[in-house]
Amino acid sequence: MRVWRYVARINGADADAVADAVQETFLAAVRNFDQFDPQRGSPWAWLTGIAHRQAALHWRRVGRDRCEQAGPSVEEAFTEDTTTSPLELAETVNIVRRVLAELPPDSAALLAGKYCDGCSIAELVEQFGGTTEGVRSKLARARRDFQHRYRNASGDVTSREPLNELNPKQTDTTAP
C-alpha cells in the first residue's frame, strides 16, 4: 500500500498508470533482489528507489499532457485554497509531481514521507535508516533541491514556499 501511495503521488490519479508502475516496481525488485544490500539502507528505501524510477519512467513515456488529462485530485490536494483557480491548482499539482519525479529517489521519498504522509523525523529515521541529524540534513537538502527545481519549472522567482503546496495543512518545523 505504501508503494502504491508513493507512486500515485508522482503519477497522479490514473489508477492504471499507478498499477503498472507498482507492478513494474515489484518485478524489478524480484529480478534484482540479489543486488539489495542491507548495509546501504533499509528494504523500504531500496523499494522506494525502484518505485521512484518506475514513476519517473511514466512521466517520460506519457508526458505532461496525459498526466494532466488523468487529472490530479485538486479538491483533495488543496481543499482550503479559495484564491486560486482550479486550473492553476491543477498546474501546480502537475509541477509538483514532475519535480518529485526529477529528484533523486531518496530525496523524493523523504519529502513525500514528511509532507504527504506526515511522518515525524523519528519515523523517517526508522524507515530510511541513519541518525536523526542525518535525516534532518538530507531533508533540508531535499527541500532546497525541490524548491530550486520547482521555481525553475514554474517560472516562479518569488520566495513562496512550494512545499506547503504538497500538503497545505502541514508546515515544516524541522528547518535548520
C-alpha atoms as a PDB file:
ATOM      1  CA  MET A   1       0.000   0.000   0.000  1.00  0.00           C
ATOM      2  CA  ARG A   2       2.845   2.419   0.783  1.00  0.00           C
ATOM      3  CA  VAL A   3       4.412   1.820  -2.621  1.00  0.00           C
ATOM      4  CA  TRP A   4       1.052   2.473  -4.287  1.00  0.00           C
ATOM      5  CA  ARG A   5       0.610   5.796  -2.439  1.00  0.00           C
ATOM      6  CA  TYR A   6       4.166   6.845  -3.231  1.00  0.00           C
ATOM      7  CA  VAL A   7       3.782   6.150  -6.963  1.00  0.00           C
ATOM      8  CA  ALA A   8       0.323   7.767  -7.030  1.00  0.00           C
ATOM      9  CA  ARG A   9       1.764  10.999  -5.636  1.00  0.00           C
ATOM     10  CA  ILE A  10       4.106  11.202  -8.573  1.00  0.00           C
ATOM     11  CA  ASN A  11       1.953   9.713 -11.347  1.00  0.00           C
ATOM     12  CA  GLY A  12      -1.407  11.194 -10.415  1.00  0.00           C
ATOM     13  CA  ALA A  13      -4.915   9.827 -10.306  1.00  0.00           C
ATOM     14  CA  ASP A  14      -4.647   7.424 -13.253  1.00  0.00           C
ATOM     15  CA  ALA A  15      -5.105   4.112 -11.419  1.00  0.00           C
ATOM     16  CA  ASP A  16      -3.969   2.085 -14.443  1.00  0.00           C
ATOM     17  CA  ALA A  17      -0.686   4.003 -14.700  1.00  0.00           C
ATOM     18  CA  VAL A  18      -0.120   3.653 -10.958  1.00  0.00           C
ATOM     19  CA  ALA A  19      -0.890  -0.067 -11.103  1.00  0.00           C
ATOM     20  CA  ASP A  20       1.533  -0.536 -14.000  1.00  0.00           C
ATOM     21  CA  ALA A  21       4.318   1.333 -12.177  1.00  0.00           C
ATOM     22  CA  VAL A  22       3.735  -0.604  -8.945  1.00  0.00           C
ATOM     23  CA  GLN A  23       3.753  -3.896 -10.854  1.00  0.00           C
ATOM     24  CA  GLU A  24       6.988  -2.932 -12.603  1.00  0.00           C
ATOM     25  CA  THR A  25       8.439  -1.927  -9.232  1.00  0.00           C
ATOM     26  CA  PHE A  26       7.847  -5.332  -7.705  1.00  0.00           C
ATOM     27  CA  LEU A  27       9.006  -7.158 -10.829  1.00  0.00           C
ATOM     28  CA  ALA A  28      12.247  -5.169 -10.795  1.00  0.00           C
ATOM     29  CA  ALA A  29      12.653  -5.823  -7.065  1.00  0.00           C
ATOM     30  CA  VAL A  30      12.273  -9.581  -7.566  1.00  0.00           C
ATOM     31  CA  ARG A  31      14.621  -9.590 -10.562  1.00  0.00           C
ATOM     32  CA  ASN A  32      17.273  -7.599  -8.705  1.00  0.00           C
ATOM     33  CA  PHE A  33      16.840  -8.899  -5.178  1.00  0.00           C
ATOM     34  CA  ASP A  34      20.407 -10.203  -5.172  1.00  0.00           C
ATOM     35  CA  GLN A  35      21.575  -6.583  -5.505  1.00  0.00           C
ATOM     36  CA  PHE A  36      19.867  -5.467  -2.277  1.00  0.00           C
ATOM     37  CA  ASP A  37      22.493  -4.590   0.328  1.00  0.00           C
ATOM     38  CA  PRO A  38      21.146  -4.025   3.862  1.00  0.00           C
ATOM     39  CA  GLN A  39      24.351  -2.111   4.656  1.00  0.00           C
ATOM     40  CA  ARG A  40      23.320   0.605   2.183  1.00  0.00           C
ATOM     41  CA  GLY A  41      19.798   1.129   3.522  1.00  0.00           C
ATOM     42  CA  SER A  42      16.510  -0.349   4.568  1.00  0.00           C
ATOM     43  CA  PRO A  43      14.347  -2.524   2.316  1.00  0.00           C
ATOM     44  CA  TRP A  44      11.813   0.340   2.178  1.00  0.00           C
ATOM     45  CA  ALA A  45      14.445   2.791   0.931  1.00  0.00           C
ATOM     46  CA  TRP A  46      15.566   0.291  -1.734  1.00  0.00           C
ATOM     47  CA  LEU A  47      11.994  -0.386  -2.853  1.00  0.00           C
ATOM     48  CA  THR A  48      11.202   3.340  -2.856  1.00  0.00           C
ATOM     49  CA  GLY A  49      14.157   3.948  -5.149  1.00  0.00           C
ATOM     50  CA  ILE A  50      12.858   1.358  -7.589  1.00  0.00           C
ATOM     51  CA  ALA A  51       9.326   2.800  -7.374  1.00  0.00           C
ATOM     52  CA  HIS A  52      10.676   6.290  -7.967  1.00  0.00           C
ATOM     53  CA  ARG A  53      12.458   5.202 -11.132  1.00  0.00           C
ATOM     54  CA  GLN A  54       9.296   3.494 -12.392  1.00  0.00           C
ATOM     55  CA  ALA A  55       7.200   6.601 -11.668  1.00  0.00           C
ATOM     56  CA  ALA A  56       9.766   8.800 -13.419  1.00  0.00           C
ATOM     57  CA  LEU A  57       9.656   6.481 -16.436  1.00  0.00           C
ATOM     58  CA  HIS A  58       5.903   7.052 -16.540  1.00  0.00           C
ATOM     59  CA  TRP A  59       6.494  10.808 -16.857  1.00  0.00           C
ATOM     60  CA  ARG A  60       8.947  10.253 -19.671  1.00  0.00           C
ATOM     61  CA  ARG A  61       6.657   7.837 -21.525  1.00  0.00           C
ATOM     62  CA  VAL A  62       3.355   9.653 -21.412  1.00  0.00           C
ATOM     63  CA  GLY A  63       4.489  13.204 -20.852  1.00  0.00           C
ATOM     64  CA  ARG A  64       2.852  16.001 -19.008  1.00  0.00           C
ATOM     65  CA  ASP A  65      -0.256  16.264 -21.205  1.00  0.00           C
ATOM     66  CA  ARG A  66      -1.529  12.792 -20.433  1.00  0.00           C
ATOM     67  CA  CYS A  67      -0.932  13.258 -16.716  1.00  0.00           C
ATOM     68  CA  GLU A  68      -2.951  16.459 -16.814  1.00  0.00           C
ATOM     69  CA  GLN A  69      -5.765  14.613 -18.547  1.00  0.00           C
ATOM     70  CA  ALA A  70      -5.673  11.894 -15.879  1.00  0.00           C
ATOM     71  CA  GLY A  71      -6.175  14.792 -13.551  1.00  0.00           C
ATOM     72  CA  PRO A  72      -4.885  15.354 -10.108  1.00  0.00           C
ATOM     73  CA  SER A  73      -7.410  15.386  -7.344  1.00  0.00           C
ATOM     74  CA  VAL A  74      -7.270  19.132  -6.995  1.00  0.00           C
ATOM     75  CA  GLU A  75     -10.075  19.298  -4.448  1.00  0.00           C
ATOM     76  CA  GLU A  76      -8.290  16.815  -2.202  1.00  0.00           C
ATOM     77  CA  ALA A  77      -4.876  18.392  -2.664  1.00  0.00           C
ATOM     78  CA  PHE A  78      -5.944  21.969  -1.979  1.00  0.00           C
ATOM     79  CA  THR A  79      -9.226  21.872  -0.081  1.00  0.00           C
ATOM     80  CA  GLU A  80      -8.676  25.134   1.783  1.00  0.00           C
ATOM     81  CA  ASP A  81      -7.330  27.272  -1.068  1.00  0.00           C
ATOM     82  CA  THR A  82     -10.042  29.651  -2.254  1.00  0.00           C
ATOM     83  CA  THR A  83      -7.880  32.234  -4.017  1.00  0.00           C
ATOM     84  CA  THR A  84      -6.541  30.047  -6.817  1.00  0.00           C
ATOM     85  CA  SER A  85      -8.493  28.765  -9.787  1.00  0.00           C
ATOM     86  CA  PRO A  86      -8.879  25.007 -10.305  1.00  0.00           C
ATOM     87  CA  LEU A  87      -6.786  25.259 -13.472  1.00  0.00           C
ATOM     88  CA  GLU A  88      -3.927  26.935 -11.596  1.00  0.00           C
ATOM     89  CA  LEU A  89      -4.172  24.316  -8.852  1.00  0.00           C
ATOM     90  CA  ALA A  90      -4.061  21.500 -11.394  1.00  0.00           C
ATOM     91  CA  GLU A  91      -0.992  23.055 -12.983  1.00  0.00           C
ATOM     92  CA  THR A  92       0.699  23.389  -9.586  1.00  0.00           C
ATOM     93  CA  VAL A  93      -0.055  19.768  -8.701  1.00  0.00           C
ATOM     94  CA  ASN A  94       1.432  18.623 -12.006  1.00  0.00           C
ATOM     95  CA  ILE A  95       4.548  20.737 -11.500  1.00  0.00           C
ATOM     96  CA  VAL A  96       4.976  19.262  -8.016  1.00  0.00           C
ATOM     97  CA  ARG A  97       4.608  15.738  -9.419  1.00  0.00           C
ATOM     98  CA  ARG A  98       7.066  16.416 -12.231  1.00  0.00           C
ATOM     99  CA  VAL A  99       9.613  17.901  -9.824  1.00  0.00           C
ATOM    100  CA  LEU A 100       9.255  14.935  -7.446  1.00  0.00           C
ATOM    101  CA  ALA A 101       9.889  12.608 -10.387  1.00  0.00           C
ATOM    102  CA  GLU A 102      13.066  14.545 -11.262  1.00  0.00           C
ATOM    103  CA  LEU A 103      14.502  14.432  -7.740  1.00  0.00           C
ATOM    104  CA  PRO A 104      16.824  11.657  -6.606  1.00  0.00           C
ATOM    105  CA  PRO A 105      14.695   8.803  -5.208  1.00  0.00           C
ATOM    106  CA  ASP A 106      15.807   9.230  -1.594  1.00  0.00           C
ATOM    107  CA  SER A 107      15.035  12.953  -1.657  1.00  0.00           C
ATOM    108  CA  ALA A 108      11.582  12.437  -3.152  1.00  0.00           C
ATOM    109  CA  ALA A 109      10.807   9.673  -0.656  1.00  0.00           C
ATOM    110  CA  LEU A 110      11.872  11.830   2.305  1.00  0.00           C
ATOM    111  CA  LEU A 111       9.788  14.773   1.121  1.00  0.00           C
ATOM    112  CA  ALA A 112       6.752  12.580   0.448  1.00  0.00           C
ATOM    113  CA  GLY A 113       7.131  10.925   3.844  1.00  0.00           C
ATOM    114  CA  LYS A 114       7.429  14.219   5.685  1.00  0.00           C
ATOM    115  CA  TYR A 115       4.972  16.428   3.831  1.00  0.00           C
ATOM    116  CA  CYS A 116       2.435  14.000   2.380  1.00  0.00           C
ATOM    117  CA  ASP A 117       2.378  11.200   4.944  1.00  0.00           C
ATOM    118  CA  GLY A 118       3.077  13.465   7.910  1.00  0.00           C
ATOM    119  CA  CYS A 119       5.875  11.247   9.229  1.00  0.00           C
ATOM    120  CA  SER A 120       7.967  12.562  12.094  1.00  0.00           C
ATOM    121  CA  ILE A 121      11.753  12.690  11.857  1.00  0.00           C
ATOM    122  CA  ALA A 122      11.913   9.623  14.113  1.00  0.00           C
ATOM    123  CA  GLU A 123       9.624   7.720  11.748  1.00  0.00           C
ATOM    124  CA  LEU A 124      11.747   8.751   8.772  1.00  0.00           C
ATOM    125  CA  VAL A 125      14.881   7.546  10.593  1.00  0.00           C
ATOM    126  CA  GLU A 126      13.152   4.204  11.180  1.00  0.00           C
ATOM    127  CA  GLN A 127      12.113   3.901   7.534  1.00  0.00           C
ATOM    128  CA  PHE A 128      15.320   5.087   5.871  1.00  0.00           C
ATOM    129  CA  GLY A 129      17.981   4.440   8.475  1.00  0.00           C
ATOM    130  CA  GLY A 130      20.689   6.786   9.678  1.00  0.00           C
ATOM    131  CA  THR A 131      20.614   9.262  12.509  1.00  0.00           C
ATOM    132  CA  THR A 132      18.155  11.984  13.420  1.00  0.00           C
ATOM    133  CA  GLU A 133      20.608  14.704  12.399  1.00  0.00           C
ATOM    134  CA  GLY A 134      21.452  12.846   9.194  1.00  0.00           C
ATOM    135  CA  VAL A 135      17.791  12.631   8.187  1.00  0.00           C
ATOM    136  CA  ARG A 136      17.231  16.302   9.085  1.00  0.00           C
ATOM    137  CA  SER A 137      20.211  17.243   6.939  1.00  0.00           C
ATOM    138  CA  LYS A 138      19.037  15.116   3.991  1.00  0.00           C
ATOM    139  CA  LEU A 139      15.543  16.571   4.357  1.00  0.00           C
ATOM    140  CA  ALA A 140      16.927  20.126   4.313  1.00  0.00           C
ATOM    141  CA  ARG A 141      18.963  19.375   1.170  1.00  0.00           C
ATOM    142  CA  ALA A 142      15.965  17.699  -0.469  1.00  0.00           C
ATOM    143  CA  ARG A 143      13.784  20.701   0.399  1.00  0.00           C
ATOM    144  CA  ARG A 144      16.307  23.145  -1.127  1.00  0.00           C
ATOM    145  CA  ASP A 145      16.651  20.979  -4.245  1.00  0.00           C
ATOM    146  CA  PHE A 146      12.864  20.736  -4.582  1.00  0.00           C
ATOM    147  CA  GLN A 147      12.425  24.494  -4.163  1.00  0.00           C
ATOM    148  CA  HIS A 148      15.090  25.246  -6.764  1.00  0.00           C
ATOM    149  CA  ARG A 149      13.617  22.811  -9.274  1.00  0.00           C
ATOM    150  CA  TYR A 150      10.056  23.938  -8.514  1.00  0.00           C
ATOM    151  CA  ARG A 151      10.913  27.569  -9.150  1.00  0.00           C
ATOM    152  CA  ASN A 152      12.635  26.665 -12.420  1.00  0.00           C
ATOM    153  CA  ALA A 153       9.716  24.500 -13.539  1.00  0.00           C
ATOM    154  CA  SER A 154       7.059  27.045 -12.629  1.00  0.00           C
ATOM    155  CA  GLY A 155       8.938  30.188 -13.569  1.00  0.00           C
ATOM    156  CA  ASP A 156       8.347  31.409 -10.006  1.00  0.00           C
ATOM    157  CA  VAL A 157      11.171  33.544  -8.674  1.00  0.00           C
ATOM    158  CA  THR A 158       9.399  34.720  -5.528  1.00  0.00           C
ATOM    159  CA  SER A 159      10.109  33.372  -2.060  1.00  0.00           C
ATOM    160  CA  ARG A 160       6.901  31.345  -1.953  1.00  0.00           C
ATOM    161  CA  GLU A 161       7.144  28.020  -0.064  1.00  0.00           C
ATOM    162  CA  PRO A 162       6.176  25.313  -2.583  1.00  0.00           C
ATOM    163  CA  LEU A 163       6.480  22.502  -0.038  1.00  0.00           C
ATOM    164  CA  ASN A 164       3.388  23.754   1.724  1.00  0.00           C
ATOM    165  CA  GLU A 165       1.546  23.179  -1.550  1.00  0.00           C
ATOM    166  CA  LEU A 166       2.222  19.449  -1.221  1.00  0.00           C
ATOM    167  CA  ASN A 167       0.061  19.438   1.880  1.00  0.00           C
ATOM    168  CA  PRO A 168      -1.215  22.914   2.796  1.00  0.00           C
ATOM    169  CA  LYS A 169      -2.415  21.727   6.189  1.00  0.00           C
ATOM    170  CA  GLN A 170       1.117  20.862   7.326  1.00  0.00           C
ATOM    171  CA  THR A 171       4.031  23.168   7.921  1.00  0.00           C
ATOM    172  CA  ASP A 172       7.623  22.173   8.392  1.00  0.00           C
ATOM    173  CA  THR A 173       9.166  22.647  11.804  1.00  0.00           C
ATOM    174  CA  THR A 174      12.426  20.830  11.065  1.00  0.00           C
ATOM    175  CA  ALA A 175      14.224  23.506   9.092  1.00  0.00           C
ATOM    176  CA  PRO A 176      17.722  24.052  10.436  1.00  0.00           C
END
